Protein backbone atom coordinates (compact mmCIF):
# COMPACT_ATOMS: atom_id res chain seq x y z
CA MET A 1 39.84 -25.62 -3.36
CA ALA A 2 41.34 -27.79 -6.04
CA GLN A 3 45.04 -27.78 -6.56
CA GLU A 4 46.89 -28.26 -9.83
CA ILE A 5 49.36 -31.11 -10.06
CA LYS A 6 52.61 -29.84 -11.53
CA ALA A 7 55.97 -31.30 -12.33
CA PRO A 8 58.62 -31.13 -9.57
CA ALA A 9 60.74 -27.99 -9.33
CA ALA A 10 63.73 -29.70 -10.94
CA THR A 11 61.72 -30.28 -14.11
CA LYS A 12 59.52 -27.20 -14.09
CA HIS A 13 60.64 -26.23 -17.57
CA ALA A 14 59.81 -29.64 -19.05
CA ALA A 15 56.91 -29.90 -21.45
CA THR A 16 53.59 -30.60 -19.78
CA PHE A 17 50.29 -31.98 -21.02
CA GLY A 18 47.26 -30.13 -19.66
CA HIS A 19 46.57 -29.72 -15.99
CA VAL A 20 45.05 -32.07 -13.44
CA GLU A 21 43.22 -30.84 -10.37
CA SER A 22 43.51 -32.85 -7.18
CA ILE A 23 41.26 -32.06 -4.23
CA PRO A 24 43.28 -31.89 -1.00
CA ARG A 25 41.65 -33.86 1.82
CA ALA A 26 41.46 -30.75 3.99
CA ASN A 27 39.17 -29.17 1.39
CA ARG A 28 36.82 -32.11 0.89
CA ARG A 29 33.29 -31.56 2.16
CA MET A 30 31.23 -34.56 1.06
CA SER A 31 30.08 -36.70 3.99
CA ASN A 32 28.91 -40.32 4.13
CA TRP A 33 25.35 -39.06 3.75
CA ASP A 34 26.26 -36.92 0.72
CA LEU A 35 27.80 -39.88 -1.15
CA PHE A 36 24.98 -42.16 -0.04
CA ALA A 37 22.38 -39.66 -1.26
CA THR A 38 24.30 -38.93 -4.47
CA TRP A 39 24.28 -42.57 -5.53
CA ILE A 40 20.70 -43.18 -4.46
CA GLY A 41 19.74 -40.14 -6.52
CA ALA A 42 21.83 -41.39 -9.44
CA ASN A 43 19.79 -44.62 -9.58
CA ALA A 44 16.43 -43.61 -8.09
CA ASN A 45 15.20 -42.16 -11.34
CA ASN A 46 13.24 -42.64 -14.54
CA GLY A 47 15.92 -44.63 -16.32
CA THR A 48 16.14 -47.20 -13.51
CA TRP A 49 12.35 -47.56 -13.47
CA TYR A 50 12.43 -48.03 -17.24
CA ILE A 51 15.15 -50.70 -16.96
CA GLY A 52 12.96 -52.55 -14.46
CA GLY A 53 10.10 -52.37 -16.93
CA VAL A 54 12.24 -53.60 -19.82
CA ILE A 55 13.49 -56.70 -17.96
CA ALA A 56 9.90 -57.50 -16.98
CA ALA A 57 9.98 -59.42 -20.26
CA CYS A 58 11.94 -62.11 -18.36
CA GLY A 59 9.17 -62.72 -15.85
CA LEU A 60 9.46 -61.80 -12.17
CA ALA A 61 11.71 -64.62 -10.93
CA THR A 62 14.39 -64.36 -13.63
CA ALA A 63 14.29 -60.56 -13.70
CA SER A 64 14.64 -60.29 -9.90
CA THR A 65 17.53 -62.74 -9.64
CA THR A 66 19.43 -61.15 -12.51
CA LEU A 67 18.83 -57.65 -11.14
CA ILE A 68 20.25 -58.49 -7.71
CA VAL A 69 23.29 -60.46 -8.91
CA VAL A 70 24.33 -57.94 -11.59
CA GLY A 71 23.71 -55.01 -9.22
CA LEU A 72 25.93 -56.41 -6.48
CA ILE A 73 28.78 -57.26 -8.86
CA SER A 74 28.59 -53.91 -10.65
CA TYR A 75 28.59 -51.81 -7.51
CA VAL A 76 31.45 -53.68 -5.90
CA LEU A 77 33.35 -52.37 -8.91
CA LEU A 78 31.85 -48.92 -8.24
CA ALA A 79 33.15 -48.97 -4.66
CA VAL A 80 36.59 -50.07 -5.86
CA ALA A 81 36.73 -47.33 -8.49
CA SER A 82 35.44 -44.82 -5.94
CA TYR A 83 38.36 -45.73 -3.69
CA MET A 84 40.71 -44.51 -6.42
CA GLY A 85 39.15 -41.04 -6.31
CA TYR A 86 39.28 -40.96 -2.52
CA GLN A 87 42.97 -41.90 -2.50
CA THR A 88 44.10 -39.53 -5.23
CA GLY A 89 41.62 -36.64 -5.26
CA LEU A 90 41.59 -36.93 -9.05
CA PRO A 91 38.60 -37.16 -11.42
CA ALA A 92 37.89 -40.45 -13.15
CA MET A 93 39.10 -39.66 -16.63
CA ALA A 94 42.28 -37.97 -15.40
CA LEU A 95 43.08 -41.23 -13.61
CA THR A 96 42.94 -43.13 -16.90
CA ARG A 97 46.02 -41.20 -18.02
CA ALA A 98 48.09 -43.63 -15.94
CA SER A 99 46.72 -46.70 -17.74
CA PHE A 100 45.92 -45.46 -21.26
CA GLY A 101 48.57 -42.73 -21.43
CA LEU A 102 48.15 -38.97 -21.35
CA ARG A 103 46.81 -38.85 -24.89
CA GLY A 104 45.37 -42.35 -24.79
CA SER A 105 43.03 -41.26 -22.00
CA PHE A 106 41.03 -39.48 -24.70
CA ILE A 107 39.52 -42.87 -25.59
CA PRO A 108 37.75 -43.45 -22.24
CA SER A 109 37.03 -39.72 -22.04
CA ILE A 110 35.19 -39.76 -25.37
CA ILE A 111 33.26 -42.85 -24.27
CA ASN A 112 32.25 -41.11 -21.04
CA VAL A 113 31.19 -37.89 -22.75
CA VAL A 114 29.05 -39.82 -25.21
CA GLN A 115 27.51 -42.21 -22.71
CA PHE A 116 26.62 -39.61 -20.07
CA ILE A 117 25.18 -37.26 -22.66
CA GLY A 118 23.19 -40.29 -23.79
CA TRP A 119 21.98 -41.07 -20.27
CA ALA A 120 21.05 -37.44 -19.71
CA ALA A 121 19.03 -37.58 -22.93
CA VAL A 122 17.29 -40.81 -21.84
CA ASN A 123 16.22 -39.31 -18.52
CA THR A 124 15.21 -36.06 -20.19
CA PHE A 125 13.03 -37.86 -22.72
CA ILE A 126 11.22 -39.84 -20.01
CA ALA A 127 10.72 -36.72 -17.89
CA ALA A 128 9.50 -34.78 -20.92
CA THR A 129 6.95 -37.54 -21.51
CA SER A 130 5.72 -36.95 -17.94
CA ILE A 131 5.45 -33.24 -18.67
CA SER A 132 3.32 -34.01 -21.74
CA TYR A 133 0.93 -35.92 -19.45
CA ILE A 134 0.88 -32.97 -17.04
CA PHE A 135 0.01 -30.62 -19.92
CA SER A 136 -2.76 -33.02 -20.88
CA GLU A 137 -4.20 -32.86 -17.36
CA LEU A 138 -3.89 -29.07 -17.07
CA PHE A 139 -4.55 -27.82 -20.60
CA GLY A 140 -6.08 -30.75 -22.44
CA TRP A 141 -3.11 -31.11 -24.78
CA PRO A 142 -2.74 -34.55 -26.41
CA VAL A 143 -0.14 -36.74 -24.68
CA TYR A 144 2.98 -37.92 -26.45
CA GLY A 145 2.14 -40.96 -28.61
CA LYS A 146 -1.20 -39.50 -29.67
CA PRO A 147 -1.77 -37.28 -32.73
CA GLY A 148 -0.46 -33.80 -31.92
CA GLY A 149 1.33 -35.02 -28.78
CA THR A 150 4.82 -34.26 -30.05
CA PHE A 151 4.42 -30.54 -29.27
CA GLY A 152 3.94 -31.19 -25.55
CA LEU A 153 6.98 -33.48 -25.55
CA ILE A 154 9.15 -30.83 -27.21
CA VAL A 155 8.07 -28.20 -24.67
CA GLY A 156 8.86 -30.74 -21.95
CA ILE A 157 12.37 -31.31 -23.32
CA LEU A 158 13.05 -27.57 -23.30
CA ILE A 159 11.74 -27.22 -19.73
CA MET A 160 13.93 -30.09 -18.55
CA SER A 161 16.97 -28.55 -20.22
CA VAL A 162 16.45 -25.30 -18.29
CA LEU A 163 16.14 -27.30 -15.04
CA HIS A 164 19.35 -29.15 -15.85
CA LEU A 165 21.25 -25.93 -16.49
CA LEU A 166 20.10 -24.68 -13.09
CA SER A 167 21.05 -27.97 -11.44
CA ILE A 168 24.69 -27.78 -12.59
CA SER A 169 25.09 -24.00 -12.31
CA LEU A 170 27.30 -24.22 -9.22
CA GLY A 171 29.12 -27.42 -10.10
CA GLU A 172 29.64 -29.91 -7.28
CA ARG A 173 27.85 -27.67 -4.72
CA SER A 174 24.59 -27.57 -6.67
CA VAL A 175 24.73 -31.33 -7.26
CA ARG A 176 25.13 -31.89 -3.53
CA LEU A 177 22.18 -29.59 -2.72
CA ILE A 178 19.89 -31.21 -5.30
CA GLU A 179 20.68 -34.72 -4.07
CA ARG A 180 20.00 -33.77 -0.43
CA ILE A 181 16.58 -32.35 -1.24
CA GLY A 182 15.63 -34.76 -4.00
CA ILE A 183 16.31 -37.94 -2.04
CA ILE A 184 13.57 -37.14 0.47
CA LEU A 185 10.92 -36.72 -2.23
CA VAL A 186 12.18 -39.79 -4.06
CA VAL A 187 11.76 -41.99 -0.98
CA ILE A 188 8.21 -40.70 -0.42
CA PHE A 189 7.36 -41.28 -4.08
CA VAL A 190 8.62 -44.87 -4.16
CA LEU A 191 6.72 -45.78 -0.99
CA TRP A 192 3.57 -44.32 -2.49
CA GLU A 193 4.09 -46.13 -5.79
CA SER A 194 4.60 -49.42 -3.97
CA VAL A 195 1.35 -49.07 -2.03
CA VAL A 196 -0.65 -48.15 -5.14
CA VAL A 197 0.70 -51.03 -7.24
CA PHE A 198 -0.01 -53.70 -4.63
CA ARG A 199 -3.46 -52.30 -3.93
CA MET A 200 -4.37 -52.82 -7.57
CA VAL A 201 -2.64 -56.14 -8.24
CA SER A 202 -1.75 -58.93 -5.83
CA PHE A 203 1.82 -60.15 -5.49
CA HIS A 204 0.63 -63.61 -6.50
CA ASP A 205 -0.67 -62.27 -9.82
CA ILE A 206 2.61 -60.46 -10.45
CA ALA A 207 4.72 -63.50 -9.52
CA THR A 208 2.78 -65.92 -11.72
CA TRP A 209 2.50 -63.63 -14.76
CA GLN A 210 4.50 -64.71 -17.80
CA PRO A 211 5.38 -62.51 -20.78
CA PRO A 212 4.19 -63.45 -24.27
CA HIS A 213 6.57 -65.92 -25.90
CA ASN A 214 7.42 -63.58 -28.79
CA LEU A 215 8.44 -60.81 -26.35
CA ARG A 216 10.28 -62.96 -23.79
CA MET A 217 13.79 -61.81 -22.80
CA THR A 218 16.48 -64.30 -21.75
CA SER A 219 18.50 -63.95 -18.55
CA GLY A 220 21.67 -63.33 -20.59
CA VAL A 221 20.16 -60.39 -22.46
CA ALA A 222 18.83 -59.02 -19.17
CA ALA A 223 22.28 -59.39 -17.56
CA ASP A 224 24.01 -57.49 -20.36
CA THR A 225 21.29 -54.80 -20.33
CA LEU A 226 21.63 -54.30 -16.56
CA ALA A 227 25.43 -54.43 -16.68
CA ALA A 228 25.53 -51.68 -19.30
CA PHE A 229 23.20 -49.60 -17.14
CA ASN A 230 25.15 -50.15 -13.91
CA LEU A 231 28.72 -50.00 -15.20
CA ALA A 232 28.20 -46.51 -16.56
CA TRP A 233 28.43 -45.24 -12.98
CA VAL A 234 31.71 -47.08 -12.34
CA THR A 235 33.49 -44.82 -14.82
CA ALA A 236 32.23 -41.76 -12.91
CA ALA A 237 32.84 -42.94 -9.34
CA SER A 238 36.00 -40.89 -8.77
CA ASP A 239 34.33 -37.70 -9.96
CA PHE A 240 32.42 -37.68 -6.67
CA SER A 241 34.56 -39.66 -4.20
CA ARG A 242 37.39 -37.14 -4.74
CA PHE A 243 35.26 -34.69 -2.74
CA THR A 244 35.19 -36.82 0.43
CA ALA A 245 37.87 -37.30 3.08
CA LYS A 246 36.22 -40.47 4.40
CA LYS A 247 37.11 -43.87 3.01
CA SER A 248 33.78 -45.30 4.21
CA ALA A 249 31.90 -42.64 2.23
CA ALA A 250 33.78 -43.47 -0.94
CA THR A 251 33.36 -47.22 -0.63
CA THR A 252 30.61 -48.41 1.72
CA ALA A 253 28.22 -45.46 1.39
CA SER A 254 28.60 -45.41 -2.40
CA PHE A 255 28.01 -49.17 -2.69
CA LEU A 256 24.94 -49.11 -0.45
CA GLY A 257 23.46 -45.97 -2.01
CA ALA A 258 23.84 -47.19 -5.59
CA ASN A 259 22.31 -50.59 -4.81
CA LEU A 260 19.46 -49.12 -2.79
CA GLY A 261 18.55 -46.74 -5.60
CA LEU A 262 18.85 -49.50 -8.20
CA PHE A 263 16.85 -52.14 -6.36
CA TRP A 264 14.15 -49.77 -5.17
CA PHE A 265 13.37 -48.11 -8.47
CA ALA A 266 14.07 -51.07 -10.77
CA PHE A 267 11.81 -53.28 -8.67
CA ILE A 268 9.01 -50.73 -8.63
CA GLY A 269 9.38 -50.41 -12.40
CA LEU A 270 9.32 -54.20 -12.68
CA PHE A 271 6.26 -54.58 -10.43
CA ALA A 272 4.42 -51.63 -11.98
CA THR A 273 5.00 -52.83 -15.54
CA ILE A 274 3.85 -56.37 -14.76
CA GLY A 275 0.96 -54.96 -12.71
CA THR A 276 -0.13 -52.86 -15.67
CA ALA A 277 0.15 -55.89 -17.99
CA VAL A 278 -2.01 -57.95 -15.60
CA THR A 279 -4.57 -55.15 -15.20
CA LEU A 280 -4.88 -54.47 -18.94
CA ASN A 281 -4.25 -58.08 -19.99
CA HIS A 282 -1.69 -56.70 -22.44
CA PHE A 283 2.11 -56.35 -22.27
CA ASP A 284 4.01 -53.81 -24.37
CA PRO A 285 7.65 -53.08 -23.41
CA ASN A 286 7.36 -49.73 -25.22
CA ASN A 287 4.98 -48.67 -22.43
CA SER A 288 7.41 -49.43 -19.60
CA ASP A 289 8.35 -45.81 -18.96
CA PRO A 290 7.14 -44.42 -15.60
CA SER A 291 4.95 -41.71 -17.15
CA THR A 292 2.84 -44.20 -19.10
CA VAL A 293 2.62 -46.62 -16.17
CA ALA A 294 1.79 -43.85 -13.67
CA ALA A 295 -0.96 -42.58 -15.96
CA LYS A 296 -2.43 -46.05 -16.49
CA LEU A 297 -2.36 -46.72 -12.75
CA GLY A 298 -4.12 -43.40 -12.11
CA LEU A 299 -1.39 -41.86 -9.95
CA GLY A 300 -2.06 -38.28 -11.04
CA VAL A 301 -0.06 -35.12 -11.64
CA LEU A 302 1.91 -35.26 -8.37
CA ALA A 303 3.51 -38.56 -9.37
CA LEU A 304 4.46 -37.10 -12.73
CA LEU A 305 6.04 -34.06 -11.05
CA VAL A 306 8.19 -36.31 -8.89
CA ILE A 307 9.28 -38.22 -12.00
CA VAL A 308 10.46 -34.89 -13.39
CA LEU A 309 12.37 -34.22 -10.16
CA THR A 310 14.12 -37.61 -10.24
CA SER A 311 15.30 -36.85 -13.75
CA THR A 312 16.90 -33.66 -12.48
CA THR A 313 18.70 -35.44 -9.60
CA ALA A 314 20.00 -38.21 -11.87
CA ASN A 315 21.08 -35.86 -14.63
CA ALA A 316 23.00 -33.68 -12.20
CA VAL A 317 25.30 -36.71 -11.81
CA ASN A 318 25.27 -37.57 -15.53
CA LEU A 319 26.16 -34.06 -16.63
CA MET A 320 28.84 -33.62 -13.97
CA SER A 321 30.54 -36.81 -15.20
CA ALA A 322 30.27 -35.84 -18.87
CA GLY A 323 31.63 -32.36 -18.14
CA SER A 324 34.54 -33.77 -16.16
CA ALA A 325 35.45 -36.11 -19.04
CA LEU A 326 35.29 -33.22 -21.51
CA THR A 327 37.75 -31.15 -19.47
CA ASN A 328 40.23 -34.06 -19.62
CA MET A 329 40.19 -33.75 -23.42
CA VAL A 330 39.91 -29.95 -23.80
CA HIS A 331 42.15 -28.63 -21.05
CA LYS A 332 41.35 -24.95 -21.62
CA LEU A 333 37.69 -25.47 -20.73
CA SER A 334 36.64 -24.87 -17.14
CA LEU A 335 34.31 -27.42 -15.56
CA ASN A 336 31.37 -25.00 -15.60
CA VAL A 337 31.78 -24.26 -19.31
CA SER A 338 32.05 -28.00 -20.02
CA LEU A 339 28.84 -28.59 -18.06
CA TRP A 340 26.98 -26.07 -20.21
CA ILE A 341 28.30 -27.67 -23.40
CA VAL A 342 27.31 -31.24 -22.46
CA THR A 343 23.89 -30.08 -21.21
CA LEU A 344 23.11 -28.38 -24.52
CA ALA A 345 24.42 -31.44 -26.39
CA ALA A 346 22.17 -33.71 -24.32
CA THR A 347 19.20 -31.52 -25.24
CA ALA A 348 19.96 -32.01 -28.92
CA VAL A 349 20.38 -35.79 -28.53
CA THR A 350 17.01 -36.04 -26.75
CA PHE A 351 15.28 -35.23 -30.03
CA ILE A 352 16.65 -38.34 -31.80
CA PRO A 353 13.86 -40.76 -30.76
CA VAL A 354 11.26 -38.05 -31.42
CA TYR A 355 11.88 -38.17 -35.15
CA LEU A 356 14.03 -41.20 -36.05
CA ALA A 357 12.83 -44.31 -34.15
CA SER A 358 10.88 -45.58 -31.17
CA PHE A 359 12.35 -44.71 -27.78
CA LEU A 360 12.77 -48.41 -26.87
CA ASP A 361 14.72 -49.14 -30.08
CA VAL A 362 17.08 -46.21 -29.47
CA PHE A 363 17.45 -47.13 -25.79
CA GLU A 364 18.32 -50.79 -26.44
CA ALA A 365 20.83 -49.89 -29.17
CA PHE A 366 22.41 -47.36 -26.81
CA LEU A 367 22.73 -49.93 -24.00
CA ASP A 368 24.26 -52.54 -26.29
CA GLY A 369 26.93 -50.07 -27.38
CA ILE A 370 27.72 -49.04 -23.81
CA GLY A 371 28.16 -52.62 -22.65
CA MET A 372 30.55 -53.36 -25.50
CA PHE A 373 32.88 -50.43 -24.84
CA LEU A 374 32.63 -49.78 -21.09
CA GLY A 375 33.40 -53.20 -19.62
CA PRO A 376 36.89 -53.52 -21.17
CA GLU A 377 37.75 -49.92 -20.24
CA ILE A 378 36.84 -50.52 -16.59
CA ALA A 379 38.81 -53.77 -16.47
CA ILE A 380 41.93 -51.98 -17.70
CA PHE A 381 41.97 -49.03 -15.32
CA LEU A 382 41.15 -51.17 -12.27
CA VAL A 383 43.83 -53.77 -13.07
CA ASP A 384 46.34 -50.99 -13.68
CA TYR A 385 45.78 -49.25 -10.35
CA PHE A 386 45.28 -52.20 -8.02
CA PHE A 387 47.46 -54.93 -9.52
CA LEU A 388 50.12 -53.31 -11.69
CA LYS A 389 50.76 -50.05 -9.84
CA GLY A 390 50.10 -51.27 -6.29
CA LYS A 391 47.44 -48.61 -5.50
CA HIS A 392 49.98 -45.85 -5.93
CA TYR A 393 50.22 -43.37 -8.80
CA ARG A 394 52.98 -40.79 -9.18
CA PHE A 395 51.01 -37.55 -9.32
CA ALA A 396 53.72 -35.43 -10.93
CA GLU A 397 53.70 -37.78 -13.93
CA PHE A 398 50.07 -37.06 -14.81
CA THR A 399 51.07 -33.96 -16.79
CA LYS A 400 54.62 -34.75 -17.84
CA VAL A 401 55.43 -35.26 -21.50
CA ARG A 402 57.89 -38.17 -21.80
CA GLY A 403 57.15 -39.06 -18.18
CA ALA A 404 56.09 -42.40 -16.68
CA TYR A 405 52.59 -42.19 -18.17
CA TRP A 406 53.61 -40.88 -21.58
CA TYR A 407 54.36 -44.40 -22.89
CA HIS A 408 54.69 -44.12 -26.71
CA HIS A 409 53.89 -40.59 -27.92
CA GLY A 410 51.33 -40.25 -25.13
CA VAL A 411 49.53 -43.56 -25.75
CA ASN A 412 49.80 -46.88 -23.96
CA TRP A 413 49.22 -49.15 -26.93
CA VAL A 414 49.01 -52.21 -24.69
CA ALA A 415 45.94 -50.69 -23.04
CA VAL A 416 44.43 -49.68 -26.39
CA ALA A 417 45.04 -53.13 -27.88
CA SER A 418 43.61 -54.81 -24.78
CA TRP A 419 40.53 -52.60 -24.97
CA ILE A 420 39.99 -53.42 -28.66
CA LEU A 421 40.39 -57.14 -27.98
CA GLY A 422 37.94 -56.81 -25.09
CA VAL A 423 35.38 -55.19 -27.39
CA VAL A 424 35.92 -57.98 -29.93
CA ALA A 425 35.57 -60.58 -27.16
CA TYR A 426 32.26 -59.04 -26.09
CA TRP A 427 30.95 -59.11 -29.65
CA GLY A 428 32.15 -62.69 -30.15
CA LEU A 429 30.59 -63.91 -26.90
CA LYS A 430 27.28 -62.37 -27.92
CA GLN A 431 27.30 -64.76 -30.89
CA VAL A 432 27.61 -67.81 -28.61
CA ALA A 433 24.03 -68.71 -27.77
CA LEU A 434 24.87 -70.60 -24.57
CA ILE A 435 26.57 -67.51 -23.10
CA ALA A 436 24.42 -64.80 -24.67
CA THR A 437 21.18 -66.33 -23.35
CA THR A 438 22.33 -67.38 -19.86
CA VAL A 439 24.98 -65.27 -18.11
CA GLY A 440 25.59 -62.63 -20.77
CA ALA A 441 28.85 -61.45 -22.33
CA THR A 442 29.77 -58.39 -20.26
CA PHE A 443 31.57 -59.77 -17.22
CA ILE A 444 33.30 -62.56 -19.15
CA ALA A 445 34.62 -60.00 -21.65
CA MET A 446 35.85 -57.88 -18.72
CA ALA A 447 37.73 -60.84 -17.25
CA ILE A 448 39.31 -61.62 -20.62
CA THR A 449 40.37 -57.98 -21.02
CA ALA A 450 41.86 -57.89 -17.50
CA VAL A 451 44.02 -60.95 -18.17
CA ILE A 452 45.16 -59.66 -21.58
CA TYR A 453 46.12 -56.25 -20.19
CA TYR A 454 47.90 -57.64 -17.12
CA LEU A 455 49.97 -60.10 -19.14
CA GLY A 456 50.60 -57.58 -21.90
CA MET A 457 52.01 -55.02 -19.46
CA ARG A 458 54.12 -57.59 -17.65
CA LEU A 459 55.61 -58.89 -20.88
CA THR A 460 56.16 -55.64 -22.78
CA GLN A 461 56.67 -53.00 -20.08
CA PRO A 462 57.94 -54.70 -16.92
CA GLN A 463 59.35 -51.47 -15.49
CA ALA A 464 56.20 -49.45 -16.14
CA ALA A 465 54.06 -52.26 -14.75
CA ALA A 466 56.09 -52.66 -11.56
CA THR A 467 54.71 -51.38 -8.28
CA GLN A 468 55.60 -47.71 -8.02
CA GLU A 469 57.42 -46.22 -5.14
């Protein structure tokens, strides 16, 4: 059971700010396998496949190199953030109270609610597209993208929303159950996909294929796209590691699981998209989603059903993280109520690309926004915990008005200013062609933010920034 962190007895009548639930180690049930499976399931999904298809516009060599390098860097940060949850038993957004302030933590919480609702919508849209293909096979309905195909997509969105409500009905327990079952089917599916792709197109043809010049993506754009995709999970790491009593599960298992899911599904998306382009002698990044590729490769209804399943496993993680962030802002909401709210919100957001723009346009705009806001946030809360606070937070202060983490009226303006400057740095770096087209802006902006925050805290709040006893 979770336990509420309260002020010490001597200050029990002092004003408090919400409650924070810490999971005692004796009550933690997630094993190494559970965390490993959770993070494989988080990445072994439609969105990861789609990302692989999108960066196919770089060509195989550049896309592969960028995918591996960005994945390893991103998930080292995931393991580090996951360690924070293991050590404290606290959810991710509650932990940001120590760096941003009790009220200031609303900033990263809002970002997390928005981004994970967005990711849930992305996965739902792709899965609903698969359902429209299934309806076409079973009932002869037109597929999405053809005249009259929108109806099948809408029915698919509603079906996926019901599945998502079922997947989060029991909170952490249902997520754990779904990941344990789903990971087996995901592994079988990816192996099958790999065999089919390489039966149709040789590796030599895939390796030598080059995208049309007008559609070519640079390594810097690919790096920022992948970083935005990967870093989203870093802000949710503690939401799951707080349920394990094993350090290796929080760090090593999480790192390996996230990378395995990323590499496996992104590479199959990359190979399948290039394979389809070679087979059809035509490349269209709008057709990179797994449903379209699976249909064009003739993989059948079973493949489409597994795509639907992977959306459910991934969105169980997305919705859990969004719900956890919402409870940090609206303290009276229970986690289960928050999960219902964010699931219904994600359903509404899924309809945006149906009526307003192409899915690829919405997806790329979404990723660009995530990369701009997430990187600086992550830099701040990691620097705060590991370098300024010496890996030790004072739990009683997480709810105390005018306590150590109250700062100025509940906001640490050094953190807020650092975050804003980090966002500006990201935007500015994107305007520098040498950076934007080669290594990307994300990790440089994170480094700049980390230095600004560290120095700002040391100069303005030396006592608050000192290692805590």
